[in-house]
Protein backbone atom coordinates (compact mmCIF):
# COMPACT_ATOMS: atom_id res chain seq x y z
CA MET A 1 0.00 0.00 0.00
CA THR A 2 1.33 3.43 -0.92
CA PRO A 3 2.82 5.32 2.09
CA ALA A 4 0.65 8.36 1.24
CA LEU A 5 -2.39 6.43 2.46
CA ALA A 6 -0.80 4.86 5.55
CA HIS A 7 -2.68 7.25 7.87
CA LEU A 8 -6.03 5.71 6.82
CA PRO A 9 -7.44 2.52 8.35
CA HIS A 10 -7.08 -0.59 6.22
CA CYS A 11 -10.26 -2.25 4.99
CA GLY A 12 -9.17 -5.52 6.56
CA HIS A 13 -9.04 -7.65 3.40
CA PRO A 14 -5.83 -8.62 1.56
CA PRO A 15 -5.49 -8.20 -2.22
CA ILE A 16 -7.33 -10.75 -4.38
CA LEU A 17 -9.56 -11.68 -1.43
CA ALA A 18 -10.84 -8.10 -1.41
CA ASP A 19 -11.51 -8.35 -5.15
CA LEU A 20 -13.42 -11.60 -4.75
CA ARG A 21 -15.54 -10.44 -1.83
CA PHE A 22 -16.19 -7.06 -3.44
CA LEU A 23 -17.47 -8.75 -6.59
CA ARG A 24 -19.31 -11.64 -4.91
CA ASP A 25 -21.14 -9.77 -2.14
CA THR A 26 -20.82 -6.08 -2.93
CA LEU A 27 -23.39 -4.70 -0.48
CA GLY A 28 -22.33 -7.00 2.35
CA PHE A 29 -18.68 -6.15 1.76
CA LEU A 30 -19.35 -2.40 1.86
CA ARG A 31 -21.43 -2.67 5.00
CA ARG A 32 -18.86 -4.78 6.84
CA VAL A 33 -16.01 -2.44 5.95
CA HIS A 34 -18.01 0.60 7.09
CA GLU A 35 -19.03 -1.06 10.35
CA ARG A 36 -15.54 -2.29 11.24
CA ARG A 37 -13.29 0.43 9.81
CA GLY A 38 -15.43 3.55 9.32
CA PRO A 39 -16.43 5.64 6.28
CA VAL A 40 -12.95 6.08 4.76
CA THR A 41 -10.54 3.18 4.35
CA ARG A 42 -7.61 2.21 2.19
CA ILE A 43 -8.05 -0.83 0.04
CA PHE A 44 -6.13 -2.73 -2.61
CA VAL A 45 -8.66 -3.72 -5.24
CA PHE A 46 -8.61 -4.31 -9.01
CA GLY A 47 -4.82 -4.38 -8.88
CA ARG A 48 -4.16 -0.96 -7.32
CA PRO A 49 -4.31 0.96 -4.05
CA GLN A 50 -7.43 3.06 -3.65
CA VAL A 51 -9.62 4.75 -1.05
CA LEU A 52 -13.10 3.45 -0.32
CA ALA A 53 -15.29 6.40 0.77
CA LEU A 54 -18.69 5.36 2.11
CA GLY A 55 -21.34 7.90 2.98
CA ALA A 56 -23.60 10.63 1.66
CA GLU A 57 -20.95 13.29 2.33
CA ALA A 58 -18.44 11.45 0.15
CA ASN A 59 -21.02 11.01 -2.62
CA ALA A 60 -21.93 14.69 -2.57
CA ARG A 61 -18.33 15.89 -2.43
CA THR A 62 -17.08 13.72 -5.28
CA LEU A 63 -20.08 13.52 -7.63
CA PHE A 64 -21.23 17.14 -7.47
CA ASP A 65 -17.58 18.32 -7.30
CA ARG A 66 -18.29 22.03 -7.38
CA ASP A 67 -14.60 23.00 -7.14
CA ASP A 68 -13.20 20.52 -9.72
CA ALA A 69 -11.24 18.55 -7.13
CA PHE A 70 -12.00 15.13 -8.66
CA SER A 71 -11.32 13.58 -12.05
CA ALA A 72 -13.69 11.06 -13.60
CA ALA A 73 -11.08 10.20 -16.24
CA GLY A 74 -8.46 9.57 -13.56
CA GLY A 75 -10.80 7.26 -11.72
CA TRP A 76 -12.16 5.25 -14.64
CA THR A 77 -9.21 5.05 -17.04
CA PRO A 78 -7.39 2.20 -15.22
CA LEU A 79 -10.59 0.13 -15.40
CA LEU A 80 -12.15 1.16 -18.72
CA GLY A 81 -9.51 3.09 -20.65
CA GLU A 82 -8.66 0.32 -23.10
CA LEU A 83 -12.23 -0.87 -23.53
CA PHE A 84 -14.07 2.47 -23.83
CA PRO A 85 -11.50 5.16 -24.66
CA GLY A 86 -12.95 8.55 -25.49
CA GLY A 87 -16.32 8.00 -23.79
CA LEU A 88 -17.84 10.86 -21.80
CA ILE A 89 -17.05 9.09 -18.55
CA LEU A 90 -13.34 9.30 -19.45
CA ARG A 91 -13.26 13.05 -20.07
CA ASP A 92 -12.96 16.03 -17.72
CA GLY A 93 -13.20 19.80 -17.65
CA ALA A 94 -13.59 21.83 -20.84
CA ASP A 95 -13.04 18.75 -23.00
CA HIS A 96 -15.90 16.96 -21.27
CA ARG A 97 -18.18 19.98 -21.49
CA ARG A 98 -17.58 20.32 -25.23
CA HIS A 99 -18.28 16.67 -25.94
CA ARG A 100 -21.35 16.59 -23.71
CA ARG A 101 -22.74 19.79 -25.27
CA LEU A 102 -22.53 18.25 -28.74
CA MET A 103 -24.30 15.11 -27.52
CA LEU A 104 -27.18 16.71 -25.62
CA PRO A 105 -29.38 17.59 -28.66
CA ALA A 106 -29.69 13.88 -29.46
CA PHE A 107 -31.33 13.34 -26.06
CA ARG A 108 -33.65 16.35 -26.00
CA ARG A 109 -37.03 15.72 -24.42
CA ASP A 110 -38.79 16.66 -27.66
CA ARG A 111 -37.10 13.67 -29.34
CA LEU A 112 -38.27 11.18 -26.72
CA GLY A 113 -41.78 10.92 -28.13
CA GLU A 114 -40.44 9.87 -31.53
CA HIS A 115 -38.01 7.44 -29.90
CA ARG A 116 -40.89 5.88 -28.00
CA ARG A 117 -43.01 5.59 -31.12
CA GLN A 118 -40.19 3.75 -32.89
CA MET A 119 -39.50 1.34 -30.03
CA GLN A 120 -43.14 0.44 -29.32
CA PRO A 121 -43.48 -2.25 -32.06
CA ILE A 122 -40.24 -3.85 -30.82
CA ILE A 123 -41.57 -3.90 -27.25
CA ASP A 124 -44.95 -5.29 -28.34
CA ALA A 125 -43.31 -8.10 -30.32
CA ALA A 126 -41.16 -9.04 -27.32
CA ILE A 127 -44.18 -9.18 -25.02
CA ASP A 128 -46.04 -11.32 -27.58
CA ASP A 129 -43.16 -13.79 -27.35
CA TRP A 130 -43.04 -13.77 -23.52
CA LEU A 131 -46.78 -14.36 -23.24
CA GLN A 132 -46.68 -17.19 -25.78
CA ARG A 133 -43.85 -18.90 -23.88
CA GLY A 134 -45.46 -18.36 -20.47
CA GLN A 135 -42.27 -18.53 -18.43
CA VAL A 136 -39.00 -16.92 -19.50
CA GLU A 137 -35.59 -16.11 -18.09
CA PHE A 138 -36.42 -12.44 -17.98
CA HIS A 139 -32.98 -10.88 -17.60
CA GLY A 140 -31.78 -12.58 -20.77
CA CYS A 141 -35.00 -11.72 -22.61
CA VAL A 142 -34.99 -8.06 -21.65
CA LYS A 143 -31.28 -7.84 -22.51
CA ARG A 144 -32.20 -9.07 -25.98
CA LEU A 145 -34.97 -6.46 -26.15
CA THR A 146 -32.79 -3.53 -25.09
CA LEU A 147 -30.06 -4.61 -27.51
CA ASP A 148 -32.59 -4.66 -30.35
CA ILE A 149 -33.83 -1.19 -29.38
CA ALA A 150 -30.31 0.18 -29.04
CA ALA A 151 -29.22 -1.30 -32.37
CA ARG A 152 -32.21 0.17 -34.20
CA LEU A 153 -32.60 3.55 -32.46
CA PHE A 154 -28.94 4.26 -31.74
CA LEU A 155 -27.26 2.60 -34.71
CA GLY A 156 -30.06 2.52 -37.29
CA VAL A 157 -29.27 -1.18 -37.89
CA ARG A 158 -32.09 -3.33 -39.23
CA LEU A 159 -30.51 -6.63 -40.33
CA GLN A 160 -30.93 -9.27 -37.62
CA GLN A 161 -27.49 -10.76 -38.26
CA GLU A 162 -25.84 -7.38 -37.72
CA ILE A 163 -27.90 -6.86 -34.53
CA ASP A 164 -26.82 -10.29 -33.28
CA ASP A 165 -23.15 -9.56 -34.02
CA VAL A 166 -23.31 -6.22 -32.20
CA ALA A 167 -25.05 -7.89 -29.25
CA ARG A 168 -22.34 -10.54 -28.84
CA ASP A 169 -19.59 -7.94 -28.96
CA PHE A 170 -21.21 -5.75 -26.32
CA ILE A 171 -21.72 -8.72 -24.01
CA ASP A 172 -17.99 -9.48 -24.30
CA LEU A 173 -17.11 -5.83 -23.66
CA VAL A 174 -19.15 -5.62 -20.46
CA GLN A 175 -17.76 -8.90 -19.16
CA ALA A 176 -14.24 -7.65 -19.82
CA SER A 177 -14.88 -4.54 -17.73
CA ALA A 178 -15.14 -6.73 -14.60
CA ALA A 179 -12.22 -9.05 -15.40
CA LEU A 180 -9.83 -9.53 -12.48
CA VAL A 181 -6.95 -10.26 -14.87
CA ARG A 182 -6.69 -7.10 -16.98
CA TYR A 183 -4.20 -8.44 -19.49
CA PRO A 184 -5.04 -9.92 -22.91
CA LEU A 185 -4.23 -13.53 -22.09
CA PRO A 186 -5.37 -16.03 -24.75
CA GLY A 187 -8.87 -17.24 -23.96
CA GLY A 188 -9.38 -14.65 -21.21
CA ALA A 189 -12.36 -12.34 -20.77
CA TYR A 190 -10.25 -9.20 -21.12
CA ARG A 191 -8.80 -10.35 -24.45
CA ARG A 192 -12.29 -11.18 -25.74
CA GLY A 193 -13.42 -7.69 -24.74
CA LEU A 194 -10.58 -6.02 -26.61
CA GLN A 195 -11.26 -8.13 -29.69
CA ALA A 196 -14.95 -7.26 -29.50
CA ARG A 197 -14.11 -3.57 -29.31
CA GLY A 198 -11.94 -3.91 -32.41
CA ARG A 199 -14.80 -5.44 -34.38
CA LEU A 200 -17.22 -2.73 -33.24
CA VAL A 201 -14.77 0.02 -34.17
CA ARG A 202 -14.38 -1.42 -37.66
CA PHE A 203 -18.16 -1.83 -38.03
CA LEU A 204 -18.87 1.78 -37.03
CA SER A 205 -15.90 3.38 -38.80
CA ALA A 206 -16.99 1.90 -42.12
CA ARG A 207 -20.35 3.69 -41.82
CA VAL A 208 -19.42 7.18 -40.55
CA ALA A 209 -19.07 8.85 -43.95
CA ALA A 210 -22.45 7.64 -45.18
CA ARG A 211 -24.15 8.74 -41.95
CA ARG A 212 -22.64 12.23 -42.24
CA ASP A 213 -24.10 12.58 -45.71
CA GLY A 214 -27.46 11.01 -44.91
CA ASP A 215 -30.58 12.19 -43.10
CA GLY A 216 -31.09 9.37 -40.59
CA ASP A 217 -32.58 10.14 -37.19
CA ASP A 218 -30.76 7.43 -35.23
CA LEU A 219 -28.21 8.54 -32.62
CA PHE A 220 -25.27 7.45 -34.76
CA SER A 221 -26.40 9.66 -37.65
CA LEU A 222 -27.18 12.59 -35.36
CA LEU A 223 -23.74 12.49 -33.76
CA CYS A 224 -22.09 12.32 -37.17
CA ARG A 225 -23.91 15.49 -38.29
CA GLU A 226 -24.08 17.50 -35.05
CA ARG A 227 -22.44 20.96 -34.97
CA ASP A 228 -22.25 23.45 -32.12
CA ASP A 229 -22.67 27.22 -32.46
CA ASP A 230 -19.02 27.56 -33.46
CA GLY A 231 -19.27 24.90 -36.14
CA MET A 232 -17.30 22.34 -34.10
CA HIS A 233 -18.14 18.68 -34.66
CA TYR A 234 -16.95 15.24 -33.64
CA THR A 235 -14.15 13.66 -35.63
CA ASP A 236 -14.78 10.24 -37.12
CA ALA A 237 -12.82 8.58 -34.31
CA GLU A 238 -14.72 10.55 -31.66
CA VAL A 239 -18.07 9.48 -33.10
CA VAL A 240 -16.98 5.85 -32.98
CA ASP A 241 -15.67 6.09 -29.40
CA HIS A 242 -18.86 7.73 -28.19
CA MET A 243 -21.07 5.17 -29.92
CA VAL A 244 -19.20 2.22 -28.41
CA PHE A 245 -19.60 3.64 -24.92
CA MET A 246 -23.15 4.91 -25.38
CA LEU A 247 -24.41 1.60 -26.71
CA MET A 248 -23.03 -0.19 -23.67
CA ALA A 249 -24.53 2.38 -21.30
CA ALA A 250 -27.85 2.50 -23.16
CA HIS A 251 -28.65 -1.17 -23.15
CA ASP A 252 -26.92 -2.65 -20.10
CA THR A 253 -28.04 -0.11 -17.51
CA THR A 254 -31.61 -0.14 -18.87
CA THR A 255 -31.57 -3.95 -18.81
CA SER A 256 -30.57 -3.80 -15.16
CA ALA A 257 -33.32 -1.31 -14.29
CA LEU A 258 -36.04 -3.26 -16.13
CA ALA A 259 -35.01 -6.57 -14.59
CA THR A 260 -35.10 -5.15 -11.07
CA VAL A 261 -38.47 -3.43 -11.60
CA VAL A 262 -40.04 -6.61 -12.96
CA MET A 263 -38.44 -8.68 -10.17
CA ALA A 264 -39.76 -6.34 -7.48
CA LEU A 265 -43.27 -6.21 -8.98
CA GLY A 266 -43.25 -9.98 -9.45
CA GLU A 267 -42.52 -10.42 -5.75
CA GLN A 268 -45.07 -7.79 -4.72
CA PRO A 269 -47.80 -8.03 -7.39
CA GLN A 270 -50.12 -5.57 -5.64
CA TRP A 271 -47.95 -2.81 -7.14
CA GLN A 272 -48.61 -4.08 -10.68
CA ARG A 273 -52.12 -2.67 -10.52
CA ARG A 274 -51.08 0.81 -9.41
CA ALA A 275 -50.76 2.66 -12.68
CA THR A 276 -50.73 6.38 -11.97
CA GLU A 277 -47.85 8.45 -13.31
CA ASP A 278 -46.60 9.09 -9.77
CA ASP A 279 -46.77 5.38 -8.92
CA ASP A 280 -44.72 4.51 -12.00
CA ALA A 281 -42.10 7.13 -11.19
CA ASN A 282 -41.79 5.98 -7.58
CA ILE A 283 -41.65 2.29 -8.50
CA LEU A 284 -38.72 3.00 -10.80
CA ARG A 285 -37.01 5.21 -8.23
CA GLU A 286 -37.33 2.53 -5.59
CA ALA A 287 -35.98 -0.19 -7.88
CA LEU A 288 -33.00 2.03 -8.74
CA ARG A 289 -32.48 2.78 -5.06
CA LEU A 290 -32.28 -0.89 -4.12
CA TYR A 291 -30.40 -2.01 -7.22
CA PRO A 292 -28.55 0.88 -8.88
CA PRO A 293 -27.17 -0.22 -12.27
CA LEU A 294 -23.85 1.43 -11.35
CA PRO A 295 -23.39 0.64 -7.64
CA THR A 296 -19.93 2.16 -7.32
CA ILE A 297 -18.29 5.13 -9.06
CA ALA A 298 -14.59 5.82 -9.55
CA ARG A 299 -12.83 9.16 -9.17
CA MET A 300 -9.31 10.50 -8.64
CA ALA A 301 -8.47 13.42 -6.36
CA THR A 302 -6.71 16.13 -8.36
CA ARG A 303 -5.56 17.86 -5.17
CA GLU A 304 -5.58 17.13 -1.46
CA VAL A 305 -9.14 17.02 -0.10
CA GLU A 306 -10.97 15.95 3.05
CA LEU A 307 -13.74 13.34 3.16
CA HIS A 308 -15.59 12.44 6.36
CA GLY A 309 -12.80 14.14 8.31
CA CYS A 310 -10.00 12.18 6.60
CA ARG A 311 -7.20 13.67 4.49
CA ILE A 312 -7.07 12.31 0.94
CA PRO A 313 -3.78 13.10 -0.88
CA ALA A 314 -3.69 14.44 -4.43
CA GLY A 315 -3.51 11.67 -7.00
CA THR A 316 -5.50 9.19 -4.89
CA ARG A 317 -8.00 7.03 -6.71
CA LEU A 318 -11.31 6.64 -4.90
CA ILE A 319 -14.38 4.45 -4.97
CA VAL A 320 -17.67 5.94 -3.79
CA ALA A 321 -20.78 3.80 -3.49
CA PRO A 322 -24.30 5.01 -4.30
CA LEU A 323 -25.42 1.47 -3.43
CA PHE A 324 -24.22 1.84 0.16
CA VAL A 325 -25.82 5.26 0.68
CA GLN A 326 -29.09 4.17 -0.96
CA ARG A 327 -29.30 1.31 1.59
CA ASP A 328 -28.13 3.42 4.56
CA PRO A 329 -30.64 3.45 7.47
CA GLN A 330 -29.44 6.96 8.30
CA TRP A 331 -31.46 8.16 5.30
CA TRP A 332 -33.95 5.38 4.53
CA THR A 333 -36.61 3.68 6.66
CA ASP A 334 -36.22 -0.11 6.60
CA PRO A 335 -33.72 0.36 3.75
CA ASP A 336 -33.71 -3.19 2.36
CA ARG A 337 -37.50 -3.29 1.82
CA PHE A 338 -39.18 -2.47 -1.51
CA ASP A 339 -41.38 0.49 -0.61
CA PRO A 340 -42.11 2.98 -3.42
CA GLU A 341 -44.18 5.15 -1.08
CA ARG A 342 -40.97 6.38 0.53
CA PHE A 343 -40.61 8.66 -2.53
CA GLY A 344 -44.09 10.15 -2.16
CA PRO A 345 -44.65 13.69 -0.85
CA ALA A 346 -45.69 12.49 2.61
CA ARG A 347 -42.28 10.92 3.29
CA ALA A 348 -39.86 12.16 0.60
CA GLU A 349 -36.98 10.17 2.07
CA HIS A 350 -34.85 10.87 -0.99
CA ARG A 351 -34.74 14.54 0.04
CA ARG A 352 -33.13 13.89 3.41
CA HIS A 353 -29.71 14.46 1.86
CA PRO A 354 -28.77 15.81 -1.60
CA ALA A 355 -26.72 12.68 -2.30
CA ALA A 356 -28.99 10.07 -0.70
CA TRP A 357 -30.28 8.96 -4.13
CA THR A 358 -27.80 9.14 -7.02
CA PRO A 359 -28.37 6.12 -9.32
CA PHE A 360 -27.55 8.28 -12.36
CA GLY A 361 -24.49 9.91 -10.79
CA GLY A 362 -24.46 13.65 -10.27
CA GLY A 363 -22.95 16.96 -11.23
CA ALA A 364 -21.25 17.44 -14.58
CA HIS A 365 -21.15 13.68 -15.17
CA MET A 366 -24.85 13.03 -14.56
CA CYS A 367 -25.93 10.35 -17.05
CA VAL A 368 -26.64 12.11 -20.34
CA GLY A 369 -29.16 9.44 -21.33
CA MET A 370 -31.13 9.48 -18.07
CA ASN A 371 -34.38 10.73 -19.64
CA PHE A 372 -34.12 8.20 -22.47
CA ALA A 373 -33.56 5.35 -20.00
CA GLU A 374 -36.53 6.38 -17.85
CA MET A 375 -38.73 6.66 -20.92
CA GLN A 376 -37.71 3.21 -22.15
CA VAL A 377 -38.36 1.55 -18.79
CA GLN A 378 -41.74 3.28 -18.57
CA ALA A 379 -42.67 2.17 -22.10
CA VAL A 380 -41.93 -1.49 -21.33
CA LEU A 381 -43.62 -1.35 -17.93
CA GLU A 382 -46.80 0.26 -19.28
CA ALA A 383 -47.05 -2.24 -22.12
CA LEU A 384 -46.47 -5.16 -19.77
CA ARG A 385 -49.00 -4.00 -17.22
CA ALA A 386 -51.66 -3.49 -19.89
CA ARG A 387 -51.34 -7.01 -21.21
CA ALA A 388 -50.01 -9.26 -18.46
CA ARG A 389 -49.69 -10.14 -14.82
CA TRP A 390 -46.52 -11.81 -13.68
CA THR A 391 -44.84 -13.51 -10.76
CA VAL A 392 -41.30 -14.57 -10.03
CA ALA A 393 -41.23 -18.33 -10.57
CA SER A 394 -41.20 -20.62 -7.55
CA GLY A 395 -37.77 -21.76 -6.50
CA PHE A 396 -36.12 -18.47 -7.47
CA ARG A 397 -33.34 -17.66 -5.02
CA LYS A 398 -32.52 -13.99 -5.00
CA ASP A 399 -28.78 -13.72 -5.47
CA TYR A 400 -27.89 -10.35 -6.91
CA ALA A 401 -24.62 -9.49 -8.63
CA TYR A 402 -24.07 -5.73 -8.39
CA LEU A 403 -20.85 -5.52 -10.41
CA PRO A 404 -19.97 -4.55 -13.07
CA ILE A 405 -23.63 -3.70 -13.79
CA GLY A 406 -26.43 -4.98 -11.57
CA ARG A 407 -28.23 -8.21 -12.49
CA PRO A 408 -29.85 -11.22 -10.79
CA ARG A 409 -27.08 -13.79 -10.60
CA GLY A 410 -28.21 -17.01 -12.26
CA GLY A 411 -31.06 -15.38 -14.16
CA LEU A 412 -34.59 -14.25 -13.32
CA PRO A 413 -37.37 -16.79 -14.08
CA VAL A 414 -40.67 -14.94 -14.51
CA ARG A 415 -44.11 -16.41 -15.20
CA PHE A 416 -46.38 -14.28 -17.44
CA ASP A 417 -50.16 -14.62 -17.75
CA ALA A 418 -52.19 -12.63 -20.25
CA CYS A 419 -54.83 -10.22 -19.02
CA SER A 420 -57.39 -8.19 -20.95
CA ILE A 421 -56.38 -4.69 -21.99
CA GLY A 422 -58.29 -2.03 -20.10
């Protein structure tokens, strides 16, 4: 462990064992470390010394970062730099602001209605299939659905073979992001991820010129043509880098959110019949509170700072954990229970601290596709609730893998029964 961090308590787990426990039981690991060592500890995880900062204060200080004391690029590059170079999450400062500004028009609220219109037939066809089959492994099925939507709406791809090829490559990329061995060994997950990225880069690069000259309304085409007020635009390589990262973020995080919403409503079916706009919003918020798609967030301190009363030297890489804070009894009543009413005006538990609920991050790096993701989840949920009732199949043992992106470990068997519309 670096001497600069010697003044901080150690998390209590040696290297490798810390990795395994962090990945296998993320919430339990975070809770045990906080209980035994306090809110700020030093830890050796993912092959490097870091600080684990657990608490709402740490979330607020690092994510909102009003004085530019933390670098997202410095935190994420060791983990994602080879797999997703050039993505928004790996940019800071003026460079990040420029790239984000060029991307925002593609996610304007006035575009969401058209996006929803285009995805509705895809959603309806998927639900037809689930109802015909009766019982499905829902996480895998909804992953297929979100990949189809992302391929069509983000890439403008229509051929099923191309969609299938893109899907396989993104699965390999996400698996590589959680690989313990981050070296391209033959047959290893990290090598497969790098190879998948290479294929995606070639696929996208071959289509940039035509998209610049065309009039398509998919995200890929929009990014190729977008100009800011000064006439600045993305280079070909920048378009490709952004698309690789955005496709991963668009489908995997939405898959996670949909799976957890359907799991929660399958276990508590009385909420399936509550269909007001406020109910829908609070159901999604509660699912994201319990199972945030991105349970931990990486940063690097660009200068010496203080977190929870502890000195953090410049250059220190940190891990903060929305998952921990969103399950913290300091802010949430009975925090492990699914209870959407906690977000209603009578309780408003999410307002007890500005950083108590941050499933989409915060500050300058707030998820740029947040509104799109919420719209997509709502579209699937509304269509499902209009046509079906569902339960989690008997024998399902809830075993949740939070990293790299949340999912029910071992799948999610769900039983669907048709109901009359209206």
